[in-house]
Amino acid sequence: MQKTFTLLLFMTILFSCKKEASKDLAENILPISFNLPEGFELVDLYHPSAHDQGSWVALAQGPENIIYACDQRGKIYEMQVPSDGSPIDAAQVAPIDLHIGEAHGLLWAHNSLYVAVNKAWDDKIPDGKENGSGVYRLTDTNKDGKLDQVAMLLKLEGEGEHGPHSFVLSPNGQDIYFIAGNHTLIPEPLLKNSRLPTNWGEDNLFKPYLDARGHANNIKAPGGWISKFNPEGTQWELVSAGYRNPFDIAFNQDDELFTYDADMEWDIGMPWYRPTRICHVTSGSEYGWRTGSGKWPAYYPDNLPAVHNLEQGSPTAVLSTAKLDIPARYKNGLLAMDWSFGTVYFIDLKPKGSSYEANREEFLSGTPLPLTDMIAGNDGN
């Protein structure tokens, strides 16, 4: 008997922003055509946009069957997921009662919800009265099962698509890794405790060509970065840098860290173009992103080349397959989401020297299917 492996899907696609009669709207909705490997099943759990809950871009598996989700421009929601995989009842989905949201990253760990807020700070609002870009810890102080306290662990400067992003719990179950895009300034605590030298510069003998449309022209080295911190947020360490805009990170079954970095699509055809790529995040690594034409070539000896180059795309989530209930052939790899082309790739990692090489295959795709996040559930789905 063939085993069925289940994928759970939250549909957050907005089909129309025009007010129409429900009958007319239904007639205009185009069905999504999914492509999925044989033996897998796709389960439609919930449609946030159907309940005016925005576009969910971050998910976290909470205790037992609780899942947290966040609207890109709005609230954090808590919901109960039926253990049998049936659709989520809208009555079981509610915003948490705290003044915080607009998160790109969520992580449940240490009986807390860690939140990466991606929101510009408003100078007109006093400190303590708003929650702009930064890393926060939400806790349940009175043990009633509801989060009731917000504590900022690290204030960040930077927001938008290249701002603060996501978390992953370290294999030791204690430390937390955090990733941010190249429009997020590295804060002082990380500069004081860095595994890589902090004397970075643009490193060009000749002035680089800058983007003609002005994109990232004022963003200087080292670009996107990855850090590590303790549960209390009192100890921070800069682990790696030199990325453009990787959105997520994941540990494989060998406890090695990986990310999926973005390309600068307007540079296609230029000698300095770097496609979207899977990078092995080694300790103290610098991947050489620089604005304009100043990017380090892969042959530079002081940076690792990519584990695997893809093509154009908009990387979002990365997930290790190690703890998923899937066939053995998928176990030592990653699932990598591409928002632009609505595709989840399986990245088959193979050790090579002190790093890895990889092949990829299309695992899930759909049209349209703007993918934002994925998590490993407590049940292995």
Protein backbone atom coordinates (compact mmCIF):
# COMPACT_ATOMS: atom_id res chain seq x y z
CA MET A 1 0.00 0.00 0.00
CA GLN A 2 1.42 3.38 -0.98
CA LYS A 3 1.84 5.88 1.83
CA THR A 4 0.48 9.38 1.31
CA PHE A 5 2.61 12.30 2.50
CA THR A 6 0.61 15.40 3.36
CA LEU A 7 1.44 19.04 2.65
CA LEU A 8 -0.68 21.65 4.38
CA LEU A 9 -1.40 24.84 2.48
CA PHE A 10 -2.62 28.21 3.71
CA MET A 11 -4.08 30.08 0.75
CA THR A 12 -3.35 33.79 1.04
CA ILE A 13 -3.90 34.83 -2.56
CA LEU A 14 -5.97 37.94 -3.18
CA PHE A 15 -7.93 37.37 -6.37
CA SER A 16 -9.53 40.79 -6.63
CA CYS A 17 -9.47 44.18 -4.96
CA LYS A 18 -12.66 45.26 -6.73
CA LYS A 19 -16.02 45.08 -4.98
CA GLU A 20 -18.21 42.71 -6.94
CA ALA A 21 -21.18 40.52 -6.24
CA SER A 22 -20.06 37.19 -4.82
CA LYS A 23 -21.43 35.35 -7.86
CA ASP A 24 -19.49 37.57 -10.27
CA LEU A 25 -16.33 37.26 -8.15
CA ALA A 26 -16.58 33.47 -8.09
CA GLU A 27 -16.88 33.40 -11.87
CA ASN A 28 -13.67 35.43 -12.18
CA ILE A 29 -11.55 33.21 -9.90
CA LEU A 30 -9.14 31.08 -11.88
CA PRO A 31 -8.36 27.65 -10.43
CA ILE A 32 -4.77 27.02 -9.41
CA SER A 33 -3.08 24.21 -11.29
CA PHE A 34 -0.77 22.35 -8.88
CA ASN A 35 2.13 20.06 -9.76
CA LEU A 36 3.17 17.67 -6.97
CA PRO A 37 5.27 14.47 -6.81
CA GLU A 38 3.41 11.18 -6.81
CA GLY A 39 2.53 9.98 -3.32
CA PHE A 40 2.06 13.45 -1.83
CA GLU A 41 -1.23 15.08 -0.96
CA LEU A 42 -1.97 18.81 -0.75
CA VAL A 43 -4.51 19.86 1.87
CA ASP A 44 -6.18 23.29 1.73
CA LEU A 45 -6.45 24.44 5.35
CA TYR A 46 -7.51 28.07 5.41
CA HIS A 47 -7.95 31.27 3.36
CA PRO A 48 -6.97 34.35 5.41
CA SER A 49 -7.97 36.79 2.66
CA ALA A 50 -11.50 35.37 2.71
CA HIS A 51 -11.78 36.60 6.30
CA ASP A 52 -10.14 40.02 5.79
CA GLN A 53 -6.98 38.88 7.58
CA GLY A 54 -4.55 40.09 4.96
CA SER A 55 -1.62 38.25 3.39
CA TRP A 56 0.21 35.91 5.75
CA VAL A 57 3.99 35.94 5.25
CA ALA A 58 5.23 34.24 8.44
CA LEU A 59 4.25 31.02 10.22
CA ALA A 60 5.37 29.32 13.44
CA GLN A 61 4.47 25.98 14.99
CA GLY A 62 3.45 26.65 18.57
CA PRO A 63 2.84 24.20 21.39
CA GLU A 64 0.70 21.16 20.58
CA ASN A 65 -1.60 21.99 17.64
CA ILE A 66 -1.31 25.80 17.77
CA ILE A 67 0.04 27.69 14.77
CA TYR A 68 0.92 31.39 14.70
CA ALA A 69 0.78 33.47 11.53
CA CYS A 70 1.35 37.13 10.72
CA ASP A 71 -0.14 39.44 8.14
CA GLN A 72 2.57 41.37 6.29
CA ARG A 73 0.90 44.67 7.13
CA GLY A 74 -1.14 43.69 10.13
CA LYS A 75 -1.69 41.44 13.09
CA ILE A 76 -0.31 38.19 14.49
CA TYR A 77 -2.91 35.42 14.56
CA GLU A 78 -3.21 32.30 16.69
CA MET A 79 -5.18 29.26 15.55
CA GLN A 80 -5.95 25.67 16.44
CA VAL A 81 -5.16 23.18 13.69
CA PRO A 82 -7.30 20.03 13.71
CA SER A 83 -5.21 16.94 14.37
CA ASP A 84 -6.87 15.10 11.49
CA GLY A 85 -5.73 17.70 8.93
CA SER A 86 -9.22 18.97 8.22
CA PRO A 87 -9.78 22.66 7.34
CA ILE A 88 -9.35 25.22 10.10
CA ASP A 89 -12.56 26.68 11.51
CA ALA A 90 -12.54 30.47 11.21
CA ALA A 91 -13.83 30.64 14.78
CA GLN A 92 -10.51 29.11 15.88
CA VAL A 93 -8.47 31.94 14.31
CA ALA A 94 -8.00 35.14 16.30
CA PRO A 95 -5.41 37.92 16.60
CA ILE A 96 -3.30 37.89 19.73
CA ASP A 97 -4.15 40.66 22.19
CA LEU A 98 -0.87 42.55 21.93
CA HIS A 99 0.17 45.69 20.05
CA ILE A 100 2.64 44.06 17.67
CA GLY A 101 2.56 42.79 14.09
CA GLU A 102 3.95 43.33 10.58
CA ALA A 103 6.40 40.48 11.14
CA HIS A 104 8.47 38.70 8.51
CA GLY A 105 9.61 36.06 10.97
CA LEU A 106 8.06 34.03 13.80
CA LEU A 107 9.55 31.28 15.96
CA TRP A 108 8.14 29.43 18.94
CA ALA A 109 10.94 28.46 21.35
CA HIS A 110 11.59 28.54 25.10
CA ASN A 111 7.86 28.94 25.81
CA SER A 112 7.95 32.21 23.89
CA LEU A 113 7.06 33.58 20.49
CA TYR A 114 10.01 35.37 18.88
CA VAL A 115 8.93 38.01 16.39
CA ALA A 116 10.94 39.82 13.69
CA VAL A 117 9.03 43.03 13.08
CA ASN A 118 9.62 44.69 9.70
CA LYS A 119 8.26 48.22 10.09
CA ALA A 120 9.73 51.72 9.87
CA TRP A 121 10.16 53.50 13.19
CA ASP A 122 8.08 56.65 13.59
CA ASP A 123 10.13 59.43 15.19
CA LYS A 124 6.92 61.15 16.26
CA ILE A 125 5.99 58.25 18.54
CA PRO A 126 7.93 58.01 21.83
CA ASP A 127 10.06 54.96 22.51
CA GLY A 128 8.08 52.27 24.25
CA LYS A 129 4.84 53.31 22.55
CA GLU A 130 5.47 51.55 19.23
CA ASN A 131 7.10 48.39 17.97
CA GLY A 132 9.16 49.13 14.86
CA SER A 133 11.79 46.97 13.19
CA GLY A 134 13.48 44.70 15.66
CA VAL A 135 13.55 41.34 17.39
CA TYR A 136 10.94 40.82 20.11
CA ARG A 137 10.05 38.10 22.60
CA LEU A 138 6.40 37.51 23.49
CA THR A 139 5.66 35.59 26.69
CA ASP A 140 2.77 34.36 28.80
CA THR A 141 3.54 35.78 32.25
CA ASN A 142 0.47 34.53 34.14
CA LYS A 143 0.42 31.03 32.58
CA ASP A 144 -3.15 31.31 31.28
CA GLY A 145 -2.20 30.15 27.80
CA LYS A 146 -2.29 33.63 26.25
CA LEU A 147 0.69 35.76 25.28
CA ASP A 148 0.53 38.95 27.33
CA GLN A 149 3.96 40.62 27.36
CA VAL A 150 6.20 42.13 24.66
CA ALA A 151 9.92 42.63 25.22
CA MET A 152 12.23 44.12 22.59
CA LEU A 153 15.51 42.21 22.44
CA LEU A 154 17.20 44.16 19.64
CA LYS A 155 16.23 47.37 17.85
CA LEU A 156 16.95 47.39 14.12
CA GLU A 157 17.20 50.09 11.47
CA GLY A 158 15.81 48.90 8.14
CA GLU A 159 12.49 47.78 6.76
CA GLY A 160 10.69 46.62 3.63
CA GLU A 161 11.41 43.69 1.35
CA HIS A 162 15.11 43.81 2.25
CA GLY A 163 14.60 44.35 5.97
CA PRO A 164 14.57 42.02 9.00
CA HIS A 165 13.40 38.52 8.14
CA SER A 166 13.40 35.11 9.82
CA PHE A 167 14.57 32.80 12.62
CA VAL A 168 15.62 29.20 13.09
CA LEU A 169 16.31 27.34 16.31
CA SER A 170 19.83 25.92 16.52
CA PRO A 171 20.36 22.15 16.66
CA ASN A 172 21.28 22.42 20.36
CA GLY A 173 17.74 23.62 21.06
CA GLN A 174 18.98 26.73 22.84
CA ASP A 175 20.47 29.42 20.59
CA ILE A 176 18.44 31.17 17.90
CA TYR A 177 19.72 32.26 14.50
CA PHE A 178 18.30 35.34 12.80
CA ILE A 179 18.67 36.65 9.23
CA ALA A 180 18.21 40.12 7.72
CA GLY A 181 18.40 41.59 4.21
CA ASN A 182 20.91 44.11 2.94
CA HIS A 183 18.80 47.18 3.83
CA THR A 184 19.11 46.31 7.53
CA LEU A 185 22.00 47.95 9.34
CA ILE A 186 24.10 45.66 11.52
CA PRO A 187 23.51 46.88 15.10
CA GLU A 188 26.33 47.70 17.48
CA PRO A 189 26.09 44.58 19.70
CA LEU A 190 26.85 42.40 16.66
CA LEU A 191 29.73 44.57 15.46
CA LYS A 192 31.34 44.15 18.86
CA ASN A 193 31.02 40.37 18.71
CA SER A 194 31.65 39.17 15.17
CA ARG A 195 33.08 35.93 13.82
CA LEU A 196 34.17 37.74 10.66
CA PRO A 197 36.46 40.78 10.43
CA THR A 198 34.51 44.03 10.56
CA ASN A 199 36.96 46.02 8.43
CA TRP A 200 34.87 45.42 5.32
CA GLY A 201 34.68 47.97 2.56
CA GLU A 202 33.63 48.24 -1.06
CA ASP A 203 36.96 46.59 -1.97
CA ASN A 204 37.25 47.91 -5.51
CA LEU A 205 40.25 49.56 -7.13
CA PHE A 206 37.93 51.09 -9.70
CA LYS A 207 34.66 52.81 -8.94
CA PRO A 208 31.83 50.31 -9.55
CA TYR A 209 28.93 50.84 -11.91
CA LEU A 210 25.87 51.69 -9.82
CA ASP A 211 22.31 50.79 -10.67
CA ALA A 212 20.88 53.29 -13.15
CA ARG A 213 17.53 53.28 -11.32
CA GLY A 214 19.18 53.98 -7.98
CA HIS A 215 18.42 50.67 -6.28
CA ALA A 216 20.67 50.05 -3.25
CA ASN A 217 23.19 52.65 -4.45
CA ASN A 218 23.58 53.93 -0.88
CA ILE A 219 23.73 50.45 0.67
CA LYS A 220 27.30 49.52 1.49
CA ALA A 221 29.16 46.42 2.62
CA PRO A 222 28.59 43.87 3.98
CA GLY A 223 24.93 43.61 2.88
CA GLY A 224 22.60 40.98 4.34
CA TRP A 225 23.70 39.18 7.49
CA ILE A 226 23.07 36.27 9.86
CA SER A 227 23.38 36.39 13.63
CA LYS A 228 23.01 34.17 16.68
CA PHE A 229 21.57 35.07 20.09
CA ASN A 230 20.68 33.42 23.38
CA PRO A 231 17.03 32.95 24.50
CA GLU A 232 17.08 36.10 26.65
CA GLY A 233 18.53 38.22 23.86
CA THR A 234 21.41 39.39 26.05
CA GLN A 235 24.20 37.87 23.93
CA TRP A 236 24.45 38.50 20.20
CA GLU A 237 27.01 37.33 17.66
CA LEU A 238 27.48 38.08 13.96
CA VAL A 239 27.95 34.74 12.18
CA SER A 240 28.03 35.52 8.45
CA ALA A 241 27.44 38.39 6.00
CA GLY A 242 27.80 39.45 2.38
CA TYR A 243 24.34 38.45 1.12
CA ARG A 244 21.84 40.41 -0.96
CA ASN A 245 18.44 39.51 0.42
CA PRO A 246 18.08 35.98 1.78
CA PHE A 247 14.74 35.57 3.53
CA ASP A 248 15.17 32.39 5.56
CA ILE A 249 17.67 29.89 7.00
CA ALA A 250 17.61 26.19 7.85
CA PHE A 251 19.85 23.48 9.33
CA ASN A 252 20.16 20.22 7.42
CA GLN A 253 20.46 16.78 9.03
CA ASP A 254 24.22 17.34 9.50
CA ASP A 255 23.46 20.48 11.58
CA GLU A 256 24.92 22.71 8.86
CA LEU A 257 23.24 26.04 8.14
CA PHE A 258 21.98 27.11 4.69
CA THR A 259 20.21 30.06 3.12
CA TYR A 260 18.66 30.93 -0.26
CA ASP A 261 19.95 34.30 -1.50
CA ALA A 262 18.26 36.61 -3.97
CA ASP A 263 19.49 37.91 -7.31
CA MET A 264 19.42 41.44 -8.69
CA GLU A 265 17.25 40.69 -11.71
CA TRP A 266 18.01 43.97 -13.45
CA ASP A 267 21.67 42.85 -13.74
CA ILE A 268 20.92 39.83 -15.94
CA GLY A 269 23.41 39.71 -18.79
CA MET A 270 26.04 41.68 -16.92
CA PRO A 271 29.34 40.05 -15.84
CA TRP A 272 28.58 40.76 -12.19
CA TYR A 273 25.12 39.17 -12.18
CA ARG A 274 24.63 36.53 -9.47
CA PRO A 275 21.55 34.29 -9.81
CA THR A 276 19.45 33.18 -6.86
CA ARG A 277 21.54 30.61 -5.04
CA ILE A 278 21.81 28.20 -2.15
CA CYS A 279 24.65 29.18 0.21
CA HIS A 280 26.34 27.12 2.91
CA VAL A 281 26.51 29.47 5.92
CA THR A 282 29.88 28.60 7.37
CA SER A 283 31.16 30.26 10.54
CA GLY A 284 32.67 33.69 9.85
CA SER A 285 31.89 33.61 6.13
CA GLU A 286 31.64 36.67 3.87
CA TYR A 287 29.78 36.10 0.60
CA GLY A 288 30.85 39.32 -1.04
CA TRP A 289 27.65 41.15 -1.93
CA ARG A 290 28.43 44.72 -2.95
CA THR A 291 26.20 47.29 -4.58
CA GLY A 292 26.23 47.67 -8.35
CA SER A 293 29.05 45.92 -10.21
CA GLY A 294 31.18 45.51 -7.10
CA LYS A 295 30.12 41.97 -6.18
CA TRP A 296 32.85 39.44 -5.50
CA PRO A 297 33.24 36.79 -8.22
CA ALA A 298 32.89 33.18 -7.11
CA TYR A 299 36.60 32.55 -7.74
CA TYR A 300 37.74 34.97 -5.03
CA PRO A 301 39.59 32.85 -2.44
CA ASP A 302 38.08 34.63 0.57
CA ASN A 303 34.48 33.67 -0.14
CA LEU A 304 32.72 30.36 -0.75
CA PRO A 305 31.02 29.86 -4.09
CA ALA A 306 27.34 28.94 -4.01
CA VAL A 307 26.38 25.35 -3.24
CA HIS A 308 23.91 25.58 -6.10
CA ASN A 309 22.93 28.36 -8.50
CA LEU A 310 19.32 28.64 -9.58
CA GLU A 311 17.93 31.24 -11.98
CA GLN A 312 15.78 34.31 -11.56
CA GLY A 313 13.37 34.31 -8.66
CA SER A 314 12.38 35.78 -5.31
CA PRO A 315 13.54 33.48 -2.51
CA THR A 316 11.32 33.23 0.54
CA ALA A 317 11.22 30.23 2.89
CA VAL A 318 13.85 27.53 3.36
CA LEU A 319 13.02 24.34 5.28
CA SER A 320 15.11 21.33 6.22
CA THR A 321 13.52 18.03 5.25
CA ALA A 322 15.30 16.11 8.06
CA LYS A 323 12.32 16.06 10.44
CA LEU A 324 9.55 15.76 7.87
CA ASP A 325 7.57 12.57 7.40
CA ILE A 326 8.70 12.02 3.81
CA PRO A 327 10.53 9.33 1.83
CA ALA A 328 14.19 8.70 2.66
CA ARG A 329 15.45 10.12 -0.64
CA TYR A 330 14.36 13.57 0.48
CA LYS A 331 15.84 13.42 3.99
CA ASN A 332 19.21 15.14 3.50
CA GLY A 333 18.03 18.20 1.69
CA LEU A 334 16.14 21.47 1.73
CA LEU A 335 12.86 22.76 0.41
CA ALA A 336 13.32 26.25 -1.02
CA MET A 337 10.44 28.54 -1.95
CA ASP A 338 10.42 30.92 -4.90
CA TRP A 339 7.69 33.56 -4.68
CA SER A 340 8.05 34.86 -8.26
CA PHE A 341 7.52 31.61 -10.12
CA GLY A 342 5.35 29.84 -7.55
CA THR A 343 7.74 26.95 -7.07
CA VAL A 344 9.11 24.90 -4.19
CA TYR A 345 12.44 23.29 -5.11
CA PHE A 346 13.93 20.24 -3.47
CA ILE A 347 17.65 20.84 -2.99
CA ASP A 348 19.43 17.48 -2.79
CA LEU A 349 22.59 18.14 -0.76
CA LYS A 350 25.69 15.98 -1.18
CA PRO A 351 28.88 16.44 0.88
CA LYS A 352 31.86 17.68 -1.12
CA GLY A 353 35.08 18.35 0.74
CA SER A 354 34.31 20.58 3.69
CA SER A 355 31.10 21.86 2.09
CA TYR A 356 28.38 20.58 -0.25
CA GLU A 357 27.23 20.40 -3.81
CA ALA A 358 23.60 19.99 -4.81
CA ASN A 359 21.10 19.09 -7.48
CA ARG A 360 17.60 20.48 -7.57
CA GLU A 361 14.22 19.34 -8.74
CA GLU A 362 10.83 20.98 -8.86
CA PHE A 363 8.85 19.69 -5.89
CA LEU A 364 5.69 21.81 -5.90
CA SER A 365 4.50 24.44 -8.33
CA GLY A 366 1.31 26.21 -9.23
CA THR A 367 -0.05 29.06 -11.32
CA PRO A 368 -0.61 31.47 -9.67
CA LEU A 369 1.12 30.54 -6.40
CA PRO A 370 3.02 33.39 -4.65
CA LEU A 371 4.65 31.39 -1.85
CA THR A 372 5.65 33.08 1.40
CA ASP A 373 6.49 30.65 4.21
CA MET A 374 6.52 27.01 5.26
CA ILE A 375 7.15 25.22 8.53
CA ALA A 376 7.55 21.69 9.83
CA GLY A 377 4.51 20.76 11.89
CA ASN A 378 4.65 18.72 15.07
CA ASP A 379 3.13 15.81 13.15
CA GLY A 380 5.86 15.74 10.49
CA ASN A 381 3.81 17.50 7.79
